[in-house]
Amino acid sequence: MEKRINIQAVEPLAYKALLGLENYLSQVSISKRFIELIKIRSSQLNNCAFCINMHAKDAMFNGESLQRILLLSAWREAPDHFTEEEKVILELTEEITFIHRKGLSSETYEKVRIYFSENEIAQLIMAVVTINSWNRIAVSIHLPIGDLSN
């Protein structure tokens, strides 16, 4: 792929603003496991190899199993491997990531309300929005995934 701009270097304030959202997400009450599932699934949907690689490694570092990471793209066909809360989070992630299709449906929103408080719902939405922003940057500038062994 062709070399493109380094947004962090040419627009450091914009990059810093997005890092502010990451800092916010590091302090929310929803679990890191949920956040990493959101990051991986959204990155899969957006075909962001850089982010899939990074967040799969982060998830495994935080105790996620390789099997669940590998099954994430087919989570509906592997229902016994994901909790009900995780399934709802994955639905939410897909509907927000593909917002142009139908948006966040009332059906999915009502399912989310069963398991999560209003604050947690806001945190989940912000997690999806944030990784979608990172995905769009990485894909737009052709961010290389680097050494897969790291």
N, C-alpha and C. Protein backbone atom coordinates (compact mmCIF):
# COMPACT_ATOMS: atom_id res chain seq x y z
N MET A 1 0.84 -1.19 0.00
CA MET A 1 0.00 0.00 0.00
C MET A 1 0.88 1.25 0.00
N GLU A 2 0.34 2.29 -0.57
CA GLU A 2 1.07 3.54 -0.64
C GLU A 2 1.16 4.20 0.73
N LYS A 3 2.25 4.91 0.94
CA LYS A 3 2.42 5.65 2.19
C LYS A 3 1.52 6.89 2.16
N ARG A 4 0.80 7.10 3.23
CA ARG A 4 -0.08 8.26 3.34
C ARG A 4 0.29 9.10 4.55
N ILE A 5 -0.49 10.12 4.81
CA ILE A 5 -0.17 11.07 5.87
C ILE A 5 -0.16 10.42 7.25
N ASN A 6 0.53 11.06 8.15
CA ASN A 6 0.57 10.67 9.55
C ASN A 6 -0.26 11.72 10.29
N ILE A 7 -1.51 11.38 10.56
CA ILE A 7 -2.42 12.34 11.19
C ILE A 7 -1.90 12.80 12.54
N GLN A 8 -1.30 11.91 13.29
CA GLN A 8 -0.77 12.28 14.60
C GLN A 8 0.27 13.39 14.46
N ALA A 9 1.07 13.35 13.40
CA ALA A 9 2.12 14.36 13.19
C ALA A 9 1.56 15.65 12.62
N VAL A 10 0.65 15.55 11.66
CA VAL A 10 0.20 16.78 10.98
C VAL A 10 -0.98 17.45 11.67
N GLU A 11 -1.76 16.70 12.43
CA GLU A 11 -2.89 17.26 13.18
C GLU A 11 -2.91 16.70 14.60
N PRO A 12 -1.89 17.05 15.39
CA PRO A 12 -1.78 16.46 16.72
C PRO A 12 -2.96 16.77 17.65
N LEU A 13 -3.60 17.92 17.49
CA LEU A 13 -4.74 18.24 18.36
C LEU A 13 -5.93 17.32 18.07
N ALA A 14 -6.16 17.01 16.81
CA ALA A 14 -7.24 16.09 16.46
C ALA A 14 -6.95 14.71 17.03
N TYR A 15 -5.72 14.27 16.86
CA TYR A 15 -5.32 12.96 17.38
C TYR A 15 -5.46 12.93 18.90
N LYS A 16 -5.05 13.99 19.55
CA LYS A 16 -5.14 14.08 21.01
C LYS A 16 -6.60 14.05 21.47
N ALA A 17 -7.48 14.68 20.70
CA ALA A 17 -8.90 14.67 21.05
C ALA A 17 -9.47 13.25 21.02
N LEU A 18 -9.08 12.48 20.00
CA LEU A 18 -9.55 11.09 19.91
C LEU A 18 -8.94 10.24 21.03
N LEU A 19 -7.71 10.52 21.37
CA LEU A 19 -7.10 9.83 22.51
C LEU A 19 -7.85 10.15 23.81
N GLY A 20 -8.45 11.33 23.88
CA GLY A 20 -9.26 11.70 25.04
C GLY A 20 -10.44 10.75 25.21
N LEU A 21 -11.04 10.33 24.10
CA LEU A 21 -12.13 9.34 24.17
C LEU A 21 -11.60 8.00 24.67
N GLU A 22 -10.41 7.61 24.22
CA GLU A 22 -9.81 6.37 24.72
C GLU A 22 -9.55 6.46 26.22
N ASN A 23 -9.10 7.60 26.67
CA ASN A 23 -8.87 7.80 28.10
C ASN A 23 -10.19 7.67 28.86
N TYR A 24 -11.24 8.27 28.33
CA TYR A 24 -12.57 8.15 28.92
C TYR A 24 -12.97 6.67 29.02
N LEU A 25 -12.78 5.91 27.92
CA LEU A 25 -13.18 4.50 27.90
C LEU A 25 -12.38 3.66 28.89
N SER A 26 -11.18 4.08 29.22
CA SER A 26 -10.38 3.33 30.19
C SER A 26 -10.90 3.51 31.61
N GLN A 27 -11.84 4.44 31.80
CA GLN A 27 -12.35 4.74 33.14
C GLN A 27 -13.83 4.41 33.32
N VAL A 28 -14.46 3.84 32.31
CA VAL A 28 -15.90 3.56 32.40
C VAL A 28 -16.16 2.29 33.21
N SER A 29 -17.43 2.09 33.55
CA SER A 29 -17.78 0.95 34.38
C SER A 29 -17.97 -0.35 33.60
N ILE A 30 -18.21 -0.28 32.30
CA ILE A 30 -18.35 -1.53 31.54
C ILE A 30 -16.99 -2.20 31.45
N SER A 31 -17.01 -3.51 31.37
CA SER A 31 -15.77 -4.27 31.47
C SER A 31 -14.87 -4.10 30.25
N LYS A 32 -13.57 -4.26 30.49
CA LYS A 32 -12.59 -4.23 29.39
C LYS A 32 -12.89 -5.33 28.38
N ARG A 33 -13.38 -6.45 28.86
CA ARG A 33 -13.72 -7.56 27.97
C ARG A 33 -14.79 -7.13 26.97
N PHE A 34 -15.82 -6.44 27.46
CA PHE A 34 -16.86 -5.95 26.58
C PHE A 34 -16.30 -4.94 25.58
N ILE A 35 -15.47 -4.05 26.07
CA ILE A 35 -14.89 -3.02 25.19
C ILE A 35 -14.03 -3.66 24.10
N GLU A 36 -13.24 -4.66 24.44
CA GLU A 36 -12.40 -5.31 23.44
C GLU A 36 -13.24 -6.09 22.42
N LEU A 37 -14.33 -6.70 22.86
CA LEU A 37 -15.23 -7.36 21.90
C LEU A 37 -15.80 -6.35 20.91
N ILE A 38 -16.19 -5.19 21.42
CA ILE A 38 -16.69 -4.12 20.56
C ILE A 38 -15.61 -3.70 19.56
N LYS A 39 -14.41 -3.49 20.05
CA LYS A 39 -13.32 -3.02 19.19
C LYS A 39 -12.98 -4.04 18.11
N ILE A 40 -12.93 -5.30 18.47
CA ILE A 40 -12.61 -6.33 17.47
C ILE A 40 -13.74 -6.45 16.46
N ARG A 41 -14.97 -6.55 16.94
CA ARG A 41 -16.09 -6.76 16.01
C ARG A 41 -16.25 -5.59 15.06
N SER A 42 -16.21 -4.39 15.57
CA SER A 42 -16.34 -3.22 14.70
C SER A 42 -15.20 -3.17 13.69
N SER A 43 -14.00 -3.50 14.12
CA SER A 43 -12.84 -3.50 13.22
C SER A 43 -12.99 -4.56 12.14
N GLN A 44 -13.58 -5.70 12.49
CA GLN A 44 -13.86 -6.73 11.47
C GLN A 44 -14.84 -6.18 10.44
N LEU A 45 -15.90 -5.55 10.90
CA LEU A 45 -16.92 -5.02 10.00
C LEU A 45 -16.37 -3.93 9.09
N ASN A 46 -15.41 -3.17 9.59
CA ASN A 46 -14.80 -2.08 8.83
C ASN A 46 -13.55 -2.52 8.06
N ASN A 47 -13.22 -3.81 8.11
CA ASN A 47 -12.04 -4.34 7.41
C ASN A 47 -10.76 -3.59 7.80
N CYS A 48 -10.61 -3.33 9.08
CA CYS A 48 -9.43 -2.61 9.57
C CYS A 48 -8.44 -3.62 10.18
N ALA A 49 -7.53 -4.08 9.35
CA ALA A 49 -6.56 -5.09 9.78
C ALA A 49 -5.70 -4.59 10.93
N PHE A 50 -5.29 -3.35 10.88
CA PHE A 50 -4.47 -2.79 11.96
C PHE A 50 -5.18 -2.92 13.30
N CYS A 51 -6.44 -2.52 13.34
CA CYS A 51 -7.19 -2.54 14.61
C CYS A 51 -7.58 -3.95 15.04
N ILE A 52 -7.92 -4.82 14.09
CA ILE A 52 -8.20 -6.21 14.45
C ILE A 52 -6.99 -6.82 15.13
N ASN A 53 -5.83 -6.63 14.53
CA ASN A 53 -4.58 -7.17 15.07
C ASN A 53 -4.31 -6.62 16.48
N MET A 54 -4.39 -5.31 16.62
CA MET A 54 -4.10 -4.68 17.91
C MET A 54 -5.06 -5.13 19.00
N HIS A 55 -6.35 -5.13 18.69
CA HIS A 55 -7.33 -5.42 19.74
C HIS A 55 -7.47 -6.91 20.04
N ALA A 56 -7.17 -7.75 19.08
CA ALA A 56 -7.13 -9.18 19.38
C ALA A 56 -6.00 -9.47 20.36
N LYS A 57 -4.84 -8.85 20.13
CA LYS A 57 -3.72 -9.03 21.06
C LYS A 57 -4.05 -8.46 22.43
N ASP A 58 -4.68 -7.27 22.46
CA ASP A 58 -5.07 -6.67 23.74
C ASP A 58 -6.06 -7.57 24.48
N ALA A 59 -7.03 -8.11 23.75
CA ALA A 59 -8.03 -8.98 24.37
C ALA A 59 -7.39 -10.23 24.97
N MET A 60 -6.48 -10.85 24.22
CA MET A 60 -5.81 -12.05 24.73
C MET A 60 -4.95 -11.71 25.95
N PHE A 61 -4.30 -10.55 25.92
CA PHE A 61 -3.50 -10.11 27.06
C PHE A 61 -4.38 -9.97 28.30
N ASN A 62 -5.62 -9.56 28.10
CA ASN A 62 -6.56 -9.37 29.21
C ASN A 62 -7.39 -10.61 29.50
N GLY A 63 -6.98 -11.78 28.96
CA GLY A 63 -7.60 -13.04 29.34
C GLY A 63 -8.63 -13.60 28.38
N GLU A 64 -8.87 -12.92 27.27
CA GLU A 64 -9.83 -13.46 26.29
C GLU A 64 -9.22 -14.67 25.60
N SER A 65 -10.07 -15.65 25.28
CA SER A 65 -9.56 -16.86 24.63
C SER A 65 -9.44 -16.65 23.12
N LEU A 66 -8.47 -17.33 22.54
CA LEU A 66 -8.28 -17.28 21.09
C LEU A 66 -9.52 -17.83 20.38
N GLN A 67 -10.12 -18.87 20.94
CA GLN A 67 -11.30 -19.46 20.32
C GLN A 67 -12.42 -18.44 20.17
N ARG A 68 -12.70 -17.68 21.22
CA ARG A 68 -13.78 -16.68 21.15
C ARG A 68 -13.44 -15.56 20.17
N ILE A 69 -12.19 -15.18 20.12
CA ILE A 69 -11.79 -14.15 19.16
C ILE A 69 -12.00 -14.65 17.74
N LEU A 70 -11.62 -15.90 17.49
CA LEU A 70 -11.79 -16.47 16.15
C LEU A 70 -13.26 -16.63 15.78
N LEU A 71 -14.11 -16.89 16.77
CA LEU A 71 -15.53 -17.07 16.51
C LEU A 71 -16.32 -15.76 16.44
N LEU A 72 -15.68 -14.68 16.80
CA LEU A 72 -16.39 -13.40 16.90
C LEU A 72 -17.07 -12.98 15.60
N SER A 73 -16.44 -13.23 14.47
CA SER A 73 -17.06 -12.83 13.20
C SER A 73 -18.28 -13.68 12.86
N ALA A 74 -18.45 -14.81 13.53
CA ALA A 74 -19.60 -15.69 13.32
C ALA A 74 -20.31 -15.95 14.65
N TRP A 75 -20.43 -14.94 15.47
CA TRP A 75 -20.96 -15.11 16.82
C TRP A 75 -22.39 -15.64 16.84
N ARG A 76 -23.18 -15.32 15.85
CA ARG A 76 -24.57 -15.82 15.82
C ARG A 76 -24.60 -17.34 15.61
N GLU A 77 -23.60 -17.86 14.94
CA GLU A 77 -23.52 -19.31 14.69
C GLU A 77 -22.81 -20.04 15.83
N ALA A 78 -22.33 -19.30 16.81
CA ALA A 78 -21.65 -19.89 17.97
C ALA A 78 -22.26 -19.34 19.26
N PRO A 79 -23.58 -19.48 19.42
CA PRO A 79 -24.26 -18.82 20.54
C PRO A 79 -23.83 -19.31 21.92
N ASP A 80 -23.35 -20.53 22.02
CA ASP A 80 -22.95 -21.05 23.33
C ASP A 80 -21.62 -20.46 23.81
N HIS A 81 -20.94 -19.76 22.95
CA HIS A 81 -19.63 -19.20 23.31
C HIS A 81 -19.70 -17.76 23.79
N PHE A 82 -20.89 -17.16 23.75
CA PHE A 82 -21.06 -15.76 24.15
C PHE A 82 -22.25 -15.64 25.08
N THR A 83 -22.10 -14.80 26.10
CA THR A 83 -23.19 -14.58 27.05
C THR A 83 -24.30 -13.76 26.38
N GLU A 84 -25.45 -13.72 27.03
CA GLU A 84 -26.56 -12.92 26.50
C GLU A 84 -26.17 -11.44 26.43
N GLU A 85 -25.47 -10.96 27.45
CA GLU A 85 -25.01 -9.57 27.44
C GLU A 85 -24.08 -9.31 26.26
N GLU A 86 -23.17 -10.24 26.01
CA GLU A 86 -22.24 -10.07 24.90
C GLU A 86 -22.96 -10.09 23.56
N LYS A 87 -23.95 -10.95 23.41
CA LYS A 87 -24.71 -11.00 22.16
C LYS A 87 -25.42 -9.67 21.90
N VAL A 88 -25.98 -9.10 22.94
CA VAL A 88 -26.65 -7.81 22.81
C VAL A 88 -25.63 -6.72 22.44
N ILE A 89 -24.48 -6.76 23.07
CA ILE A 89 -23.42 -5.79 22.76
C ILE A 89 -22.99 -5.94 21.30
N LEU A 90 -22.87 -7.16 20.83
CA LEU A 90 -22.45 -7.37 19.44
C LEU A 90 -23.52 -6.89 18.47
N GLU A 91 -24.78 -7.09 18.80
CA GLU A 91 -25.86 -6.54 17.96
C GLU A 91 -25.78 -5.03 17.92
N LEU A 92 -25.63 -4.42 19.08
CA LEU A 92 -25.50 -2.97 19.18
C LEU A 92 -24.32 -2.47 18.33
N THR A 93 -23.21 -3.15 18.45
CA THR A 93 -22.00 -2.78 17.71
C THR A 93 -22.25 -2.83 16.21
N GLU A 94 -22.87 -3.89 15.74
CA GLU A 94 -23.13 -4.03 14.31
C GLU A 94 -24.10 -2.98 13.81
N GLU A 95 -25.15 -2.71 14.56
CA GLU A 95 -26.15 -1.74 14.11
C GLU A 95 -25.60 -0.32 14.10
N ILE A 96 -24.76 0.02 15.06
CA ILE A 96 -24.17 1.37 15.06
C ILE A 96 -23.08 1.47 14.00
N THR A 97 -22.28 0.43 13.85
CA THR A 97 -21.23 0.45 12.83
C THR A 97 -21.84 0.58 11.44
N PHE A 98 -22.94 -0.12 11.20
CA PHE A 98 -23.65 -0.04 9.91
C PHE A 98 -24.87 0.88 10.06
N ILE A 99 -24.67 2.03 10.64
CA ILE A 99 -25.75 2.97 10.95
C ILE A 99 -26.59 3.32 9.73
N HIS A 100 -25.97 3.27 8.54
CA HIS A 100 -26.67 3.63 7.31
C HIS A 100 -27.75 2.61 6.92
N ARG A 101 -27.71 1.44 7.48
CA ARG A 101 -28.70 0.41 7.12
C ARG A 101 -30.06 0.68 7.76
N LYS A 102 -30.09 0.76 9.07
CA LYS A 102 -31.35 1.02 9.77
C LYS A 102 -31.14 1.73 11.09
N GLY A 103 -29.90 2.02 11.41
CA GLY A 103 -29.62 2.64 12.70
C GLY A 103 -29.71 1.63 13.82
N LEU A 104 -29.69 2.12 15.02
CA LEU A 104 -29.86 1.26 16.19
C LEU A 104 -31.35 0.99 16.33
N SER A 105 -31.75 -0.23 16.09
CA SER A 105 -33.17 -0.58 16.09
C SER A 105 -33.76 -0.51 17.50
N SER A 106 -35.06 -0.27 17.55
CA SER A 106 -35.77 -0.26 18.84
C SER A 106 -35.67 -1.62 19.51
N GLU A 107 -35.72 -2.67 18.73
CA GLU A 107 -35.62 -4.02 19.28
C GLU A 107 -34.28 -4.24 19.99
N THR A 108 -33.20 -3.85 19.33
CA THR A 108 -31.89 -4.02 19.95
C THR A 108 -31.74 -3.10 21.15
N TYR A 109 -32.21 -1.88 21.03
CA TYR A 109 -32.12 -0.94 22.14
C TYR A 109 -32.85 -1.48 23.37
N GLU A 110 -34.02 -2.05 23.17
CA GLU A 110 -34.78 -2.62 24.29
C GLU A 110 -34.04 -3.80 24.91
N LYS A 111 -33.38 -4.61 24.11
CA LYS A 111 -32.57 -5.71 24.66
C LYS A 111 -31.42 -5.17 25.49
N VAL A 112 -30.78 -4.12 25.00
CA VAL A 112 -29.66 -3.52 25.73
C VAL A 112 -30.13 -3.02 27.09
N ARG A 113 -31.33 -2.44 27.12
CA ARG A 113 -31.87 -1.89 28.38
C ARG A 113 -32.12 -2.96 29.43
N ILE A 114 -32.31 -4.21 29.00
CA ILE A 114 -32.51 -5.30 29.95
C ILE A 114 -31.26 -5.54 30.80
N TYR A 115 -30.10 -5.40 30.18
CA TYR A 115 -28.85 -5.76 30.83
C TYR A 115 -28.02 -4.59 31.35
N PHE A 116 -28.28 -3.39 30.82
CA PHE A 116 -27.39 -2.27 31.13
C PHE A 116 -28.16 -1.03 31.55
N SER A 117 -27.54 -0.25 32.45
CA SER A 117 -28.11 1.02 32.90
C SER A 117 -27.96 2.07 31.80
N GLU A 118 -28.60 3.20 31.97
CA GLU A 118 -28.47 4.28 30.99
C GLU A 118 -27.02 4.71 30.83
N ASN A 119 -26.31 4.82 31.94
CA ASN A 119 -24.89 5.21 31.86
C ASN A 119 -24.09 4.17 31.09
N GLU A 120 -24.35 2.91 31.36
CA GLU A 120 -23.63 1.85 30.66
C GLU A 120 -23.98 1.82 29.16
N ILE A 121 -25.22 2.09 28.84
CA ILE A 121 -25.61 2.15 27.43
C ILE A 121 -24.84 3.28 26.74
N ALA A 122 -24.77 4.42 27.39
CA ALA A 122 -24.01 5.54 26.83
C ALA A 122 -22.55 5.15 26.65
N GLN A 123 -21.99 4.44 27.61
CA GLN A 123 -20.59 4.00 27.52
C GLN A 123 -20.40 3.02 26.37
N LEU A 124 -21.34 2.09 26.19
CA LEU A 124 -21.25 1.14 25.08
C LEU A 124 -21.31 1.88 23.74
N ILE A 125 -22.24 2.82 23.62
CA ILE A 125 -22.34 3.59 22.38
C ILE A 125 -21.06 4.36 22.12
N MET A 126 -20.50 4.98 23.14
CA MET A 126 -19.25 5.73 22.96
C MET A 126 -18.10 4.80 22.57
N ALA A 127 -18.09 3.58 23.09
CA ALA A 127 -17.05 2.62 22.70
C ALA A 127 -17.16 2.29 21.22
N VAL A 128 -18.38 2.08 20.73
CA VAL A 128 -18.59 1.76 19.31
C VAL A 128 -18.20 2.97 18.45
N VAL A 129 -18.64 4.14 18.83
CA VAL A 129 -18.33 5.35 18.06
C VAL A 129 -16.82 5.59 18.01
N THR A 130 -16.15 5.39 19.12
CA THR A 130 -14.70 5.64 19.17
C THR A 130 -13.93 4.69 18.28
N ILE A 131 -14.21 3.39 18.35
CA ILE A 131 -13.46 2.45 17.51
C ILE A 131 -13.79 2.66 16.04
N ASN A 132 -15.02 3.05 15.74
CA ASN A 132 -15.34 3.35 14.35
C ASN A 132 -14.52 4.53 13.84
N SER A 133 -14.28 5.51 14.68
CA SER A 133 -13.42 6.63 14.29
C SER A 133 -12.00 6.16 14.02
N TRP A 134 -11.45 5.36 14.93
CA TRP A 134 -10.09 4.83 14.73
C TRP A 134 -10.02 3.98 13.47
N ASN A 135 -11.04 3.14 13.25
CA ASN A 135 -11.06 2.29 12.05
C ASN A 135 -11.00 3.14 10.78
N ARG A 136 -11.78 4.19 10.75
CA ARG A 136 -11.83 5.03 9.57
C ARG A 136 -10.52 5.75 9.32
N ILE A 137 -9.85 6.14 10.38
CA ILE A 137 -8.53 6.75 10.22
C ILE A 137 -7.54 5.73 9.70
N ALA A 138 -7.46 4.58 10.35
CA ALA A 138 -6.47 3.56 9.97
C ALA A 138 -6.67 3.08 8.53
N VAL A 139 -7.92 2.87 8.14
CA VAL A 139 -8.19 2.41 6.78
C VAL A 139 -7.89 3.53 5.78
N SER A 140 -8.25 4.76 6.11
CA SER A 140 -8.03 5.88 5.19
C SER A 140 -6.56 6.16 4.93
N ILE A 141 -5.74 5.99 5.96
CA ILE A 141 -4.31 6.31 5.77
C ILE A 141 -3.45 5.07 5.52
N HIS A 142 -4.13 3.92 5.34
CA HIS A 142 -3.43 2.65 5.07
C HIS A 142 -2.41 2.33 6.16
N LEU A 143 -2.83 2.41 7.40
CA LEU A 143 -1.95 2.12 8.53
C LEU A 143 -1.55 0.65 8.47
N PRO A 144 -0.25 0.38 8.37
CA PRO A 144 0.20 -1.02 8.25
C PRO A 144 0.07 -1.77 9.58
N ILE A 145 -0.22 -3.06 9.49
CA ILE A 145 -0.39 -3.82 10.72
C ILE A 145 0.93 -4.16 11.38
N GLY A 146 2.02 -4.11 10.67
CA GLY A 146 3.30 -4.38 11.27
C GLY A 146 3.53 -5.85 11.51
N ASP A 147 4.41 -6.15 12.40
CA ASP A 147 4.81 -7.52 12.70
C ASP A 147 3.71 -8.21 13.50
N LEU A 148 3.12 -9.25 12.96
CA LEU A 148 2.03 -9.96 13.63
C LEU A 148 2.48 -10.66 14.90
N SER A 149 3.76 -10.88 15.07
CA SER A 149 4.23 -11.59 16.25
C SER A 149 4.30 -10.69 17.48
N ASN A 150 4.21 -9.41 17.29
CA ASN A 150 4.29 -8.48 18.44
C ASN A 150 2.96 -8.25 19.06
